[in-house]
Protein backbone atom coordinates (compact mmCIF):
# COMPACT_ATOMS: atom_id res chain seq x y z
CA MET A 1 -24.06 44.58 -42.10
CA LYS A 2 -22.29 46.69 -44.46
CA PHE A 3 -23.40 50.03 -46.31
CA GLU A 4 -21.63 51.54 -49.07
CA ARG A 5 -22.01 54.52 -51.36
CA VAL A 6 -19.99 55.81 -54.41
CA ILE A 7 -19.36 59.49 -54.16
CA LYS A 8 -17.55 62.07 -56.11
CA VAL A 9 -14.56 63.91 -54.50
CA ALA A 10 -12.32 66.70 -55.95
CA LYS A 11 -9.43 68.34 -54.07
CA PRO A 12 -9.31 72.21 -54.07
CA GLY A 13 -8.50 73.19 -57.69
CA GLN A 14 -9.18 69.78 -59.22
CA ALA A 15 -11.31 70.14 -62.24
CA GLU A 16 -12.91 66.83 -62.47
CA PRO A 17 -13.91 64.79 -59.30
CA ASP A 18 -12.67 61.19 -58.71
CA GLU A 19 -14.99 58.47 -57.52
CA ALA A 20 -14.62 57.49 -53.80
CA LEU A 21 -16.38 55.21 -51.48
CA ILE A 22 -18.17 55.81 -48.10
CA SER A 23 -18.36 52.54 -46.23
CA VAL A 24 -20.04 51.80 -42.83
CA GLU A 25 -20.01 48.34 -41.51
CA THR A 26 -21.63 47.36 -38.23
CA ILE A 27 -19.70 44.74 -36.06
CA ASP A 28 -21.00 43.07 -32.90
CA ALA A 29 -18.46 41.19 -30.80
CA GLN A 30 -18.37 39.85 -27.39
CA ASP A 31 -15.68 41.38 -24.96
CA GLY A 32 -13.74 39.50 -22.39
CA SER A 33 -16.77 39.43 -19.93
CA GLY A 34 -19.13 38.09 -22.61
CA GLN A 35 -21.01 41.21 -23.05
CA VAL A 36 -21.81 42.21 -26.68
CA ARG A 37 -20.07 45.34 -27.85
CA HIS A 38 -21.49 47.10 -30.82
CA HIS A 39 -19.27 49.13 -33.33
CA CYS A 40 -19.38 50.73 -36.72
CA VAL A 41 -16.23 51.03 -38.89
CA CYS A 42 -16.23 53.94 -41.17
CA LYS A 43 -14.08 54.39 -44.12
CA LEU A 44 -13.89 57.36 -46.59
CA SER A 45 -11.64 56.66 -49.36
CA VAL A 46 -9.74 59.61 -50.97
CA LEU A 47 -10.55 61.82 -47.99
CA ASP A 48 -8.80 59.51 -45.47
CA ASP A 49 -6.39 56.79 -45.61
CA PHE A 50 -7.65 55.21 -42.41
CA GLU A 51 -10.78 53.75 -40.74
CA VAL A 52 -12.82 55.00 -37.68
CA ARG A 53 -14.15 52.61 -35.41
CA LEU A 54 -17.05 54.13 -33.44
CA PRO A 55 -18.72 52.29 -30.30
CA GLY A 56 -22.44 52.47 -29.61
CA LEU A 57 -24.70 51.37 -26.89
CA ASP A 58 -26.46 49.20 -29.41
CA ALA A 59 -26.21 48.61 -33.27
CA LEU A 60 -28.53 51.52 -34.01
CA ASP A 61 -26.59 53.83 -31.85
CA ALA A 62 -23.26 52.78 -33.37
CA MET A 63 -24.71 53.29 -36.81
CA THR A 64 -26.13 56.81 -35.99
CA LEU A 65 -22.82 57.90 -34.56
CA ALA A 66 -21.10 56.52 -37.77
CA LEU A 67 -23.55 58.50 -40.09
CA MET A 68 -23.01 61.72 -38.07
CA TYR A 69 -19.25 61.27 -38.18
CA ILE A 70 -19.22 60.89 -41.94
CA SER A 71 -21.62 63.72 -42.38
CA LYS A 72 -19.31 65.89 -40.27
CA ARG A 73 -16.27 64.76 -42.22
CA VAL A 74 -17.90 65.50 -45.70
CA ARG A 75 -19.02 69.00 -44.52
CA ASP A 76 -15.69 69.86 -42.84
CA SER A 77 -13.89 68.74 -46.13
CA GLU A 78 -16.31 71.02 -48.15
CA GLU A 79 -15.44 73.97 -45.86
CA ASP A 80 -11.79 73.27 -46.68
CA GLY A 81 -12.39 73.67 -50.27
CA TRP A 82 -13.04 70.11 -51.39
CA THR A 83 -16.00 69.14 -53.62
CA VAL A 84 -17.74 66.15 -52.12
CA PHE A 85 -21.22 64.81 -53.46
CA TRP A 86 -23.32 61.99 -54.32
CA ARG A 87 -25.62 63.22 -56.98
CA GLU A 88 -24.74 66.87 -57.70
CA PRO A 89 -22.50 69.25 -56.07
CA GLY A 90 -23.70 70.74 -52.78
CA ASP A 91 -25.80 67.70 -51.81
CA HIS A 92 -23.48 66.73 -48.94
CA CYS A 93 -23.67 63.10 -50.17
CA TRP A 94 -27.31 63.06 -49.08
CA LEU A 95 -26.23 62.75 -45.38
CA PRO A 96 -28.21 64.55 -42.77
CA ALA A 97 -26.54 67.52 -41.04
CA HIS A 98 -25.02 66.26 -37.64
CA THR A 99 -26.17 67.44 -34.27
CA SER A 100 -23.34 65.80 -32.74
CA PRO A 101 -22.63 64.72 -29.22
CA ALA A 102 -19.16 65.97 -28.00
CA SER A 103 -17.72 62.45 -28.70
CA ILE A 104 -17.58 62.79 -32.44
CA THR A 105 -16.67 66.33 -32.72
């Protein structure tokens, strides 16, 4: 399953924001032992030029970790002077504030 949201991103000092894409995709795959492993692949265009693969205990855990990671990444970018929003500046792309386990900080 894949979820996407078009957001606005501006570097520090940039007058008009560019469009960017948040993408989270769930992937379930069997490992060598035949056990199913659950992962989410996160991409944040403009902010990052790479994807992050987060494992979870089940599909919901992987999705939760992915949303917490993206939320932290958005807020960290805002603290660094970037403008990152979905509908209006300051909305943090409508992602909940993370209460992160140590594995994603």
